[in-house]
């Protein structure tokens, strides 16, 4: 019998990301993953009971990585520096938002998935707290109006990634224009 090829978590997660972005949640299968990794399906099922379990674990990995990178933004001294770093960060890899939508489709079919969904919920709370501190810094520095609720500011910033670039602007210019609207508004007064 042939010896089974080994694969790392990093390789597994990178391939999972690629396949999810290419085929979507419904099109993603353990067979596709096994073929890409050049392993048997049994090699994957040795670690995961089903696709949902693997994907829920992958989502935890992806969002822990996101949170870790996001926390580095708070090392910037001023709100302006943090804002610029945040904008660069959220527009650097826009696939995360597609993956988040797919992650919401994962049904809770066993305790492992329930546990992973709980971890994701905790990550979102940490993320929100971290971003709340970011907004408070902006209000303390009198850069953000104090009468605007933090959740509106955060929602506005994070929903900008969903604005389609229908004119085909170069990515960096498109990001700068969005940032300009967020910072200075729409009106020419």
N, C-alpha and C. Protein backbone atom coordinates (compact mmCIF):
# COMPACT_ATOMS: atom_id res chain seq x y z
N UNK A 1 0.85 -1.18 0.00
CA UNK A 1 0.00 0.00 0.00
C UNK A 1 0.89 1.24 0.00
N UNK A 2 0.51 2.24 -0.79
CA UNK A 2 1.29 3.47 -0.89
C UNK A 2 1.18 4.27 0.39
N UNK A 3 2.28 4.92 0.71
CA UNK A 3 2.30 5.75 1.91
C UNK A 3 1.54 7.05 1.63
N UNK A 4 0.72 7.47 2.57
CA UNK A 4 -0.10 8.69 2.42
C UNK A 4 0.76 9.95 2.51
N UNK A 5 0.56 10.87 1.58
CA UNK A 5 1.27 12.14 1.59
C UNK A 5 0.77 12.98 2.77
N UNK A 6 1.68 13.63 3.44
CA UNK A 6 1.32 14.50 4.57
C UNK A 6 1.01 15.90 4.05
N UNK A 7 0.20 16.61 4.79
CA UNK A 7 -0.09 18.00 4.46
C UNK A 7 -0.16 18.79 5.76
N UNK A 8 0.25 20.05 5.68
CA UNK A 8 0.24 20.91 6.86
C UNK A 8 -1.10 21.62 6.98
N UNK A 9 -1.38 22.14 8.17
CA UNK A 9 -2.60 22.95 8.34
C UNK A 9 -2.56 24.15 7.41
N UNK A 10 -1.38 24.76 7.29
CA UNK A 10 -1.24 25.94 6.43
C UNK A 10 -1.62 25.59 4.99
N UNK A 11 -1.12 24.47 4.50
CA UNK A 11 -1.43 24.02 3.14
C UNK A 11 -2.93 23.72 3.01
N UNK A 12 -3.47 23.06 4.01
CA UNK A 12 -4.90 22.73 4.03
C UNK A 12 -5.75 24.00 3.98
N UNK A 13 -5.40 24.98 4.82
CA UNK A 13 -6.19 26.21 4.89
C UNK A 13 -6.03 27.07 3.64
N UNK A 14 -4.82 27.15 3.10
CA UNK A 14 -4.62 27.94 1.87
C UNK A 14 -5.42 27.34 0.71
N UNK A 15 -5.40 26.02 0.61
CA UNK A 15 -6.14 25.34 -0.45
C UNK A 15 -7.63 25.49 -0.22
N UNK A 16 -8.06 25.40 1.02
CA UNK A 16 -9.48 25.59 1.34
C UNK A 16 -9.93 26.99 0.92
N UNK A 17 -9.14 27.99 1.25
CA UNK A 17 -9.47 29.37 0.87
C UNK A 17 -9.61 29.49 -0.64
N UNK A 18 -8.63 28.98 -1.35
CA UNK A 18 -8.64 29.05 -2.81
C UNK A 18 -9.89 28.38 -3.39
N UNK A 19 -10.22 27.19 -2.89
CA UNK A 19 -11.38 26.46 -3.40
C UNK A 19 -12.69 27.15 -3.04
N UNK A 20 -12.78 27.69 -1.83
CA UNK A 20 -14.00 28.42 -1.44
C UNK A 20 -14.22 29.62 -2.35
N UNK A 21 -13.16 30.36 -2.62
CA UNK A 21 -13.28 31.54 -3.48
C UNK A 21 -13.60 31.15 -4.92
N UNK A 22 -13.10 30.01 -5.34
CA UNK A 22 -13.33 29.57 -6.71
C UNK A 22 -14.71 28.94 -6.90
N UNK A 23 -15.13 28.09 -5.94
CA UNK A 23 -16.36 27.31 -6.11
C UNK A 23 -17.50 27.72 -5.19
N UNK A 24 -17.22 28.53 -4.18
CA UNK A 24 -18.26 28.91 -3.23
C UNK A 24 -18.50 27.81 -2.21
N UNK A 25 -19.35 28.11 -1.24
CA UNK A 25 -19.62 27.15 -0.16
C UNK A 25 -20.25 25.87 -0.71
N UNK A 26 -21.25 26.01 -1.55
CA UNK A 26 -21.97 24.84 -2.06
C UNK A 26 -21.08 23.97 -2.95
N UNK A 27 -20.18 24.59 -3.71
CA UNK A 27 -19.33 23.84 -4.62
C UNK A 27 -18.10 23.23 -3.98
N UNK A 28 -17.77 23.68 -2.78
CA UNK A 28 -16.59 23.17 -2.08
C UNK A 28 -16.88 21.76 -1.56
N UNK A 29 -15.99 20.83 -1.87
CA UNK A 29 -16.15 19.45 -1.38
C UNK A 29 -14.81 18.91 -0.87
N UNK A 30 -14.90 17.89 -0.06
CA UNK A 30 -13.70 17.20 0.43
C UNK A 30 -12.97 16.55 -0.74
N UNK A 31 -13.72 16.08 -1.73
CA UNK A 31 -13.10 15.48 -2.92
C UNK A 31 -12.24 16.50 -3.66
N UNK A 32 -12.78 17.70 -3.87
CA UNK A 32 -12.00 18.77 -4.51
C UNK A 32 -10.73 19.07 -3.71
N UNK A 33 -10.88 19.18 -2.41
CA UNK A 33 -9.75 19.49 -1.54
C UNK A 33 -8.70 18.38 -1.62
N UNK A 34 -9.14 17.14 -1.53
CA UNK A 34 -8.22 16.00 -1.59
C UNK A 34 -7.46 16.00 -2.93
N UNK A 35 -8.17 16.25 -4.01
CA UNK A 35 -7.52 16.29 -5.32
C UNK A 35 -6.47 17.39 -5.39
N UNK A 36 -6.80 18.57 -4.88
CA UNK A 36 -5.85 19.69 -4.90
C UNK A 36 -4.62 19.40 -4.05
N UNK A 37 -4.83 18.75 -2.91
CA UNK A 37 -3.72 18.43 -2.01
C UNK A 37 -2.98 17.16 -2.43
N UNK A 38 -3.55 16.45 -3.40
CA UNK A 38 -2.99 15.19 -3.87
C UNK A 38 -2.91 14.16 -2.74
N UNK A 39 -4.03 14.04 -2.03
CA UNK A 39 -4.17 13.05 -0.96
C UNK A 39 -5.52 12.35 -1.13
N UNK A 40 -5.72 11.30 -0.39
CA UNK A 40 -7.02 10.62 -0.43
C UNK A 40 -8.02 11.39 0.44
N UNK A 41 -9.28 11.19 0.15
CA UNK A 41 -10.32 11.79 1.00
C UNK A 41 -10.18 11.27 2.43
N UNK A 42 -9.80 10.00 2.56
CA UNK A 42 -9.64 9.39 3.89
C UNK A 42 -8.60 10.14 4.72
N UNK A 43 -7.57 10.67 4.04
CA UNK A 43 -6.53 11.43 4.76
C UNK A 43 -7.13 12.67 5.42
N UNK A 44 -8.11 13.26 4.78
CA UNK A 44 -8.78 14.45 5.34
C UNK A 44 -9.81 14.03 6.38
N UNK A 45 -10.57 12.98 6.07
CA UNK A 45 -11.59 12.50 7.01
C UNK A 45 -10.97 11.94 8.29
N UNK A 46 -9.69 11.68 8.25
CA UNK A 46 -8.99 11.23 9.46
C UNK A 46 -9.01 12.34 10.52
N UNK A 47 -9.07 13.58 10.07
CA UNK A 47 -9.03 14.74 10.98
C UNK A 47 -10.37 15.45 11.13
N UNK A 48 -11.23 15.32 10.14
CA UNK A 48 -12.51 16.04 10.14
C UNK A 48 -13.64 15.08 9.79
N UNK A 49 -14.73 15.17 10.53
CA UNK A 49 -15.88 14.30 10.26
C UNK A 49 -16.60 14.67 8.97
N UNK A 50 -16.58 15.96 8.63
CA UNK A 50 -17.31 16.41 7.45
C UNK A 50 -16.77 17.77 6.99
N UNK A 51 -17.27 18.21 5.87
CA UNK A 51 -16.85 19.49 5.29
C UNK A 51 -17.14 20.64 6.23
N UNK A 52 -18.28 20.61 6.89
CA UNK A 52 -18.68 21.70 7.77
C UNK A 52 -17.70 21.87 8.94
N UNK A 53 -17.25 20.75 9.47
CA UNK A 53 -16.30 20.80 10.58
C UNK A 53 -14.98 21.42 10.12
N UNK A 54 -14.50 20.99 8.97
CA UNK A 54 -13.26 21.54 8.42
C UNK A 54 -13.42 23.04 8.17
N UNK A 55 -14.52 23.43 7.55
CA UNK A 55 -14.73 24.84 7.22
C UNK A 55 -14.90 25.70 8.47
N UNK A 56 -15.55 25.17 9.49
CA UNK A 56 -15.70 25.97 10.72
C UNK A 56 -14.35 26.17 11.38
N UNK A 57 -13.50 25.15 11.35
CA UNK A 57 -12.15 25.29 11.91
C UNK A 57 -11.32 26.27 11.07
N UNK A 58 -11.46 26.18 9.76
CA UNK A 58 -10.76 27.11 8.88
C UNK A 58 -11.19 28.55 9.17
N UNK A 59 -12.48 28.78 9.37
CA UNK A 59 -12.98 30.13 9.65
C UNK A 59 -12.38 30.67 10.96
N UNK A 60 -12.27 29.82 11.96
CA UNK A 60 -11.64 30.24 13.22
C UNK A 60 -10.20 30.66 12.94
N UNK A 61 -9.48 29.84 12.19
CA UNK A 61 -8.09 30.16 11.83
C UNK A 61 -8.02 31.51 11.10
N UNK A 62 -8.87 31.69 10.11
CA UNK A 62 -8.84 32.90 9.29
C UNK A 62 -9.15 34.14 10.12
N UNK A 63 -10.13 34.05 11.00
CA UNK A 63 -10.51 35.23 11.79
C UNK A 63 -9.56 35.48 12.96
N UNK A 64 -8.94 34.44 13.49
CA UNK A 64 -7.89 34.67 14.49
C UNK A 64 -6.71 35.39 13.85
N UNK A 65 -6.38 35.00 12.64
CA UNK A 65 -5.30 35.65 11.90
C UNK A 65 -5.67 37.11 11.60
N UNK A 66 -6.91 37.33 11.19
CA UNK A 66 -7.41 38.69 10.91
C UNK A 66 -7.31 39.55 12.17
N UNK A 67 -7.77 39.00 13.29
CA UNK A 67 -7.75 39.74 14.56
C UNK A 67 -6.33 40.07 14.98
N UNK A 68 -5.43 39.12 14.83
CA UNK A 68 -4.04 39.34 15.19
C UNK A 68 -3.43 40.48 14.38
N UNK A 69 -3.71 40.51 13.09
CA UNK A 69 -3.20 41.58 12.23
C UNK A 69 -3.88 42.91 12.57
N UNK A 70 -5.16 42.86 12.86
CA UNK A 70 -5.91 44.07 13.18
C UNK A 70 -5.41 44.70 14.48
N UNK A 71 -5.05 43.88 15.45
CA UNK A 71 -4.57 44.40 16.73
C UNK A 71 -3.27 45.19 16.59
N UNK A 72 -2.50 44.90 15.55
CA UNK A 72 -1.25 45.64 15.31
C UNK A 72 -1.53 47.09 14.94
N UNK A 73 -2.72 47.36 14.42
CA UNK A 73 -3.08 48.72 14.04
C UNK A 73 -3.09 49.64 15.26
N UNK A 74 -3.48 49.10 16.41
CA UNK A 74 -3.54 49.92 17.63
C UNK A 74 -2.16 50.37 18.09
N UNK A 75 -1.11 49.81 17.52
CA UNK A 75 0.25 50.24 17.86
C UNK A 75 0.57 51.61 17.26
N UNK A 76 -0.20 52.00 16.25
CA UNK A 76 -0.02 53.34 15.67
C UNK A 76 -0.42 54.37 16.72
N UNK A 77 0.26 55.49 16.77
CA UNK A 77 0.07 56.47 17.85
C UNK A 77 -1.20 57.29 17.73
N UNK A 78 -1.47 57.83 16.55
CA UNK A 78 -2.61 58.75 16.41
C UNK A 78 -3.78 58.06 15.73
N UNK A 79 -4.96 58.66 15.88
CA UNK A 79 -6.14 58.13 15.22
C UNK A 79 -5.95 58.14 13.71
N UNK A 80 -5.39 59.22 13.19
CA UNK A 80 -5.19 59.33 11.74
C UNK A 80 -4.30 58.20 11.23
N UNK A 81 -3.24 57.91 11.94
CA UNK A 81 -2.35 56.81 11.54
C UNK A 81 -3.07 55.46 11.64
N UNK A 82 -3.86 55.28 12.70
CA UNK A 82 -4.62 54.04 12.86
C UNK A 82 -5.67 53.91 11.76
N UNK A 83 -6.33 55.02 11.44
CA UNK A 83 -7.36 55.01 10.39
C UNK A 83 -6.74 54.60 9.06
N UNK A 84 -5.62 55.21 8.70
CA UNK A 84 -4.96 54.88 7.44
C UNK A 84 -4.51 53.42 7.42
N UNK A 85 -3.99 52.94 8.54
CA UNK A 85 -3.57 51.53 8.63
C UNK A 85 -4.78 50.60 8.52
N UNK A 86 -5.89 50.97 9.16
CA UNK A 86 -7.11 50.16 9.10
C UNK A 86 -7.63 50.09 7.66
N UNK A 87 -7.69 51.22 7.00
CA UNK A 87 -8.18 51.25 5.63
C UNK A 87 -7.30 50.40 4.72
N UNK A 88 -5.99 50.55 4.85
CA UNK A 88 -5.07 49.75 4.03
C UNK A 88 -5.29 48.27 4.31
N UNK A 89 -5.49 47.94 5.58
CA UNK A 89 -5.66 46.55 5.99
C UNK A 89 -6.95 45.95 5.43
N UNK A 90 -8.08 46.65 5.59
CA UNK A 90 -9.35 46.05 5.16
C UNK A 90 -9.46 45.95 3.64
N UNK A 91 -8.73 46.79 2.92
CA UNK A 91 -8.78 46.71 1.46
C UNK A 91 -7.65 45.88 0.88
N UNK A 92 -6.75 45.39 1.72
CA UNK A 92 -5.63 44.59 1.23
C UNK A 92 -6.09 43.22 0.72
N UNK A 93 -6.94 42.54 1.48
CA UNK A 93 -7.43 41.22 1.07
C UNK A 93 -8.94 41.21 1.23
N UNK A 94 -9.61 41.58 0.17
CA UNK A 94 -11.07 41.70 0.23
C UNK A 94 -11.78 40.35 0.21
N UNK A 95 -11.04 39.28 0.01
CA UNK A 95 -11.66 37.96 0.00
C UNK A 95 -12.21 37.59 1.37
N UNK A 96 -11.68 38.19 2.42
CA UNK A 96 -12.13 37.87 3.77
C UNK A 96 -13.64 38.10 3.93
N UNK A 97 -14.16 39.09 3.26
CA UNK A 97 -15.58 39.42 3.39
C UNK A 97 -16.44 38.39 2.67
N UNK A 98 -15.94 37.86 1.55
CA UNK A 98 -16.63 36.77 0.87
C UNK A 98 -16.63 35.53 1.76
N UNK A 99 -15.48 35.26 2.35
CA UNK A 99 -15.35 34.08 3.21
C UNK A 99 -16.27 34.18 4.43
N UNK A 100 -16.39 35.38 4.96
CA UNK A 100 -17.26 35.59 6.12
C UNK A 100 -18.70 35.22 5.77
N UNK A 101 -19.14 35.66 4.59
CA UNK A 101 -20.50 35.33 4.14
C UNK A 101 -20.68 33.82 4.01
N UNK A 102 -19.67 33.15 3.47
CA UNK A 102 -19.75 31.69 3.33
C UNK A 102 -19.76 31.02 4.70
N UNK A 103 -18.98 31.56 5.63
CA UNK A 103 -18.92 30.99 6.97
C UNK A 103 -20.27 31.01 7.67
N UNK A 104 -21.08 32.00 7.34
CA UNK A 104 -22.41 32.10 7.95
C UNK A 104 -23.34 30.99 7.47
N UNK A 105 -22.99 30.34 6.37
CA UNK A 105 -23.82 29.27 5.82
C UNK A 105 -23.57 27.92 6.49
N UNK A 106 -22.50 27.82 7.26
CA UNK A 106 -22.14 26.52 7.85
C UNK A 106 -23.17 26.12 8.90
N UNK A 107 -23.87 25.00 8.67
CA UNK A 107 -24.84 24.54 9.67
C UNK A 107 -24.14 23.92 10.88
N UNK A 108 -24.75 24.04 12.02
CA UNK A 108 -24.19 23.47 13.26
C UNK A 108 -24.67 22.03 13.36
N UNK A 109 -23.88 21.11 12.79
CA UNK A 109 -24.30 19.71 12.76
C UNK A 109 -23.66 18.85 13.84
N UNK A 110 -22.68 19.42 14.58
CA UNK A 110 -22.10 18.65 15.69
C UNK A 110 -21.48 19.60 16.71
N UNK A 111 -20.99 19.03 17.80
CA UNK A 111 -20.45 19.84 18.91
C UNK A 111 -19.18 20.59 18.52
N UNK A 112 -18.37 20.00 17.66
CA UNK A 112 -17.14 20.67 17.23
C UNK A 112 -17.47 21.96 16.49
N UNK A 113 -18.45 21.90 15.62
CA UNK A 113 -18.85 23.09 14.87
C UNK A 113 -19.46 24.11 15.81
N UNK A 114 -20.27 23.66 16.75
CA UNK A 114 -20.86 24.58 17.73
C UNK A 114 -19.75 25.29 18.52
N UNK A 115 -18.73 24.54 18.90
CA UNK A 115 -17.60 25.11 19.63
C UNK A 115 -16.85 26.13 18.76
N UNK A 116 -16.65 25.80 17.49
CA UNK A 116 -15.97 26.73 16.59
C UNK A 116 -16.81 27.99 16.35
N UNK A 117 -18.11 27.83 16.26
CA UNK A 117 -18.98 29.01 16.10
C UNK A 117 -18.94 29.88 17.35
N UNK A 118 -18.82 29.25 18.51
CA UNK A 118 -18.68 30.01 19.76
C UNK A 118 -17.38 30.79 19.75
N UNK A 119 -16.29 30.16 19.29
CA UNK A 119 -15.00 30.85 19.18
C UNK A 119 -15.12 32.05 18.23
N UNK A 120 -15.81 31.86 17.12
CA UNK A 120 -15.99 32.96 16.17
C UNK A 120 -16.77 34.10 16.80
N UNK A 121 -17.77 33.76 17.59
CA UNK A 121 -18.54 34.78 18.29
C UNK A 121 -17.66 35.56 19.25
N UNK A 122 -16.78 34.85 19.96
CA UNK A 122 -15.85 35.51 20.89
C UNK A 122 -14.86 36.40 20.14
N UNK A 123 -14.39 35.94 18.99
CA UNK A 123 -13.48 36.74 18.16
C UNK A 123 -14.18 38.02 17.72
N UNK A 124 -15.44 37.91 17.32
CA UNK A 124 -16.18 39.10 16.90
C UNK A 124 -16.34 40.10 18.04
N UNK A 125 -16.53 39.60 19.27
CA UNK A 125 -16.64 40.50 20.43
C UNK A 125 -15.32 41.22 20.68
N UNK A 126 -14.22 40.48 20.60
CA UNK A 126 -12.89 41.09 20.77
C UNK A 126 -12.64 42.11 19.67
N UNK A 127 -13.02 41.75 18.47
CA UNK A 127 -12.87 42.65 17.32
C UNK A 127 -13.66 43.94 17.55
N UNK A 128 -14.89 43.79 17.99
CA UNK A 128 -15.73 44.97 18.22
C UNK A 128 -15.14 45.85 19.32
N UNK A 129 -14.67 45.24 20.41
CA UNK A 129 -14.07 46.01 21.51
C UNK A 129 -12.84 46.77 21.02
N UNK A 130 -12.01 46.11 20.25
CA UNK A 130 -10.81 46.73 19.70
C UNK A 130 -11.18 47.91 18.81
N UNK A 131 -12.17 47.73 17.98
CA UNK A 131 -12.58 48.81 17.08
C UNK A 131 -13.30 49.93 17.82
N UNK A 132 -13.99 49.58 18.88
CA UNK A 132 -14.64 50.59 19.73
C UNK A 132 -13.57 51.51 20.32
N UNK A 133 -12.46 50.93 20.76
CA UNK A 133 -11.35 51.73 21.30
C UNK A 133 -10.77 52.65 20.22
N UNK A 134 -10.70 52.15 19.00
CA UNK A 134 -10.24 52.94 17.86
C UNK A 134 -11.14 54.15 17.65
N UNK A 135 -12.45 53.93 17.68
CA UNK A 135 -13.41 55.03 17.49
C UNK A 135 -13.32 56.02 18.65
N UNK A 136 -13.18 55.52 19.87
CA UNK A 136 -13.06 56.41 21.03
C UNK A 136 -11.83 57.30 20.92
N UNK A 137 -10.73 56.74 20.40
CA UNK A 137 -9.53 57.55 20.18
C UNK A 137 -9.83 58.67 19.20
N UNK A 138 -10.57 58.36 18.14
CA UNK A 138 -10.95 59.38 17.16
C UNK A 138 -11.82 60.46 17.78
N UNK A 139 -12.69 60.08 18.68
CA UNK A 139 -13.54 61.06 19.36
C UNK A 139 -12.73 61.89 20.35
N UNK A 140 -11.80 61.26 21.06
CA UNK A 140 -10.94 62.00 22.00
C UNK A 140 -10.08 63.02 21.28
N UNK A 141 -9.59 62.64 20.10
CA UNK A 141 -8.75 63.55 19.32
C UNK A 141 -9.59 64.57 18.53
N UNK A 142 -10.92 64.51 18.71
CA UNK A 142 -11.86 65.42 18.04
C UNK A 142 -11.81 65.29 16.51
N UNK A 143 -11.51 64.10 16.04
CA UNK A 143 -11.50 63.82 14.61
C UNK A 143 -12.87 63.29 14.18
N UNK A 144 -13.50 62.51 15.05
CA UNK A 144 -14.84 61.97 14.79
C UNK A 144 -15.83 62.72 15.68
N UNK A 145 -16.95 63.08 15.08
CA UNK A 145 -17.99 63.75 15.86
C UNK A 145 -18.49 62.84 16.97
N UNK A 146 -18.64 63.41 18.15
CA UNK A 146 -19.07 62.62 19.31
C UNK A 146 -20.54 62.23 19.27
N UNK A 147 -21.34 62.94 18.49
CA UNK A 147 -22.78 62.64 18.45
C UNK A 147 -23.11 61.47 17.52
N UNK A 148 -22.15 60.97 16.78
CA UNK A 148 -22.40 59.83 15.89
C UNK A 148 -22.06 58.54 16.64
N UNK A 149 -23.03 57.63 16.77
CA UNK A 149 -22.77 56.37 17.49
C UNK A 149 -21.64 55.57 16.83
N UNK A 150 -20.86 54.93 17.66
CA UNK A 150 -19.70 54.16 17.18
C UNK A 150 -20.09 53.08 16.17
N UNK A 151 -21.23 52.42 16.41
CA UNK A 151 -21.61 51.34 15.49
C UNK A 151 -21.91 51.85 14.09
N UNK A 152 -22.38 53.09 13.98
CA UNK A 152 -22.60 53.68 12.65
C UNK A 152 -21.26 53.94 11.97
N UNK A 153 -20.32 54.48 12.71
CA UNK A 153 -18.99 54.75 12.15
C UNK A 153 -18.34 53.45 11.69
N UNK A 154 -18.36 52.43 12.55
CA UNK A 154 -17.76 51.14 12.20
C UNK A 154 -18.47 50.50 11.02
N UNK A 155 -19.79 50.54 11.04
CA UNK A 155 -20.56 49.98 9.93
C UNK A 155 -20.22 50.66 8.62
N UNK A 156 -20.13 51.98 8.65
CA UNK A 156 -19.79 52.74 7.45
C UNK A 156 -18.42 52.33 6.93
N UNK A 157 -17.44 52.28 7.81
CA UNK A 157 -16.08 51.92 7.39
C UNK A 157 -16.05 50.51 6.80
N UNK A 158 -16.64 49.55 7.50
CA UNK A 158 -16.53 48.17 7.05
C UNK A 158 -17.45 47.83 5.88
N UNK A 159 -18.51 48.58 5.69
CA UNK A 159 -19.36 48.32 4.53
C UNK A 159 -18.78 48.89 3.24
N UNK A 160 -17.78 49.75 3.36
CA UNK A 160 -17.18 50.31 2.14
C UNK A 160 -16.58 49.24 1.25
N UNK A 161 -16.18 48.11 1.82
CA UNK A 161 -15.61 47.04 0.99
C UNK A 161 -16.65 46.43 0.05
N UNK A 162 -17.93 46.66 0.34
CA UNK A 162 -18.99 46.13 -0.50
C UNK A 162 -19.36 47.06 -1.66
N UNK A 163 -18.74 48.22 -1.72
CA UNK A 163 -19.02 49.15 -2.81
C UNK A 163 -18.34 48.62 -4.06
N UNK A 164 -19.12 48.34 -5.11
CA UNK A 164 -18.50 47.78 -6.32
C UNK A 164 -17.71 48.85 -7.09
N UNK A 165 -16.61 48.44 -7.65
CA UNK A 165 -15.77 49.30 -8.47
C UNK A 165 -16.23 49.17 -9.92
N UNK A 166 -17.42 49.68 -10.21
CA UNK A 166 -18.02 49.50 -11.53
C UNK A 166 -17.31 50.27 -12.63
N UNK A 167 -16.58 51.32 -12.27
CA UNK A 167 -15.86 52.09 -13.29
C UNK A 167 -14.49 51.51 -13.59
N UNK A 168 -14.10 50.48 -12.88
CA UNK A 168 -12.82 49.84 -13.13
C UNK A 168 -11.61 50.70 -12.78
N UNK A 169 -11.78 51.55 -11.77
CA UNK A 169 -10.66 52.39 -11.32
C UNK A 169 -9.52 51.50 -10.82
N UNK A 170 -8.29 51.97 -10.95
CA UNK A 170 -7.21 51.22 -10.31
C UNK A 170 -7.52 51.09 -8.81
N UNK A 171 -7.23 49.93 -8.25
CA UNK A 171 -7.63 49.62 -6.88
C UNK A 171 -7.22 50.70 -5.88
N UNK A 172 -5.97 51.14 -5.94
CA UNK A 172 -5.49 52.12 -4.96
C UNK A 172 -6.25 53.44 -5.07
N UNK A 173 -6.53 53.89 -6.28
CA UNK A 173 -7.29 55.13 -6.48
C UNK A 173 -8.71 54.97 -5.94
N UNK A 174 -9.31 53.82 -6.22
CA UNK A 174 -10.66 53.53 -5.74
C UNK A 174 -10.71 53.57 -4.22
N UNK A 175 -9.72 52.96 -3.56
CA UNK A 175 -9.65 52.97 -2.10
C UNK A 175 -9.48 54.40 -1.59
N UNK A 176 -8.62 55.19 -2.23
CA UNK A 176 -8.41 56.58 -1.81
C UNK A 176 -9.70 57.39 -1.93
N UNK A 177 -10.46 57.17 -2.99
CA UNK A 177 -11.73 57.90 -3.18
C UNK A 177 -12.74 57.51 -2.10
N UNK A 178 -12.81 56.25 -1.78
CA UNK A 178 -13.72 55.80 -0.71
C UNK A 178 -13.29 56.42 0.61
N UNK A 179 -11.99 56.42 0.89
CA UNK A 179 -11.48 57.00 2.12
C UNK A 179 -11.81 58.50 2.17
N UNK A 180 -11.69 59.16 1.05
CA UNK A 180 -12.01 60.60 0.97
C UNK A 180 -13.47 60.85 1.34
N UNK A 181 -14.37 60.01 0.83
CA UNK A 181 -15.79 60.17 1.13
C UNK A 181 -16.05 59.90 2.61
N UNK A 182 -15.43 58.86 3.16
CA UNK A 182 -15.61 58.55 4.58
C UNK A 182 -15.10 59.70 5.44
N UNK A 183 -13.97 60.27 5.09
CA UNK A 183 -13.36 61.32 5.91
C UNK A 183 -14.00 62.70 5.71
N UNK A 184 -14.40 63.01 4.49
CA UNK A 184 -14.83 64.38 4.19
C UNK A 184 -16.26 64.50 3.67
N UNK A 185 -16.94 63.38 3.49
CA UNK A 185 -18.33 63.42 3.06
C UNK A 185 -18.49 63.58 1.56
N UNK A 186 -19.75 63.73 1.16
CA UNK A 186 -20.10 63.83 -0.26
C UNK A 186 -20.22 65.26 -0.76
N UNK A 187 -20.58 66.17 0.12
CA UNK A 187 -20.92 67.52 -0.31
C UNK A 187 -19.70 68.39 -0.54
N UNK A 188 -19.78 69.23 -1.56
CA UNK A 188 -18.67 70.13 -1.91
C UNK A 188 -18.86 71.49 -1.26
N UNK A 189 -19.09 71.50 0.04
CA UNK A 189 -19.28 72.78 0.74
C UNK A 189 -18.11 73.09 1.64
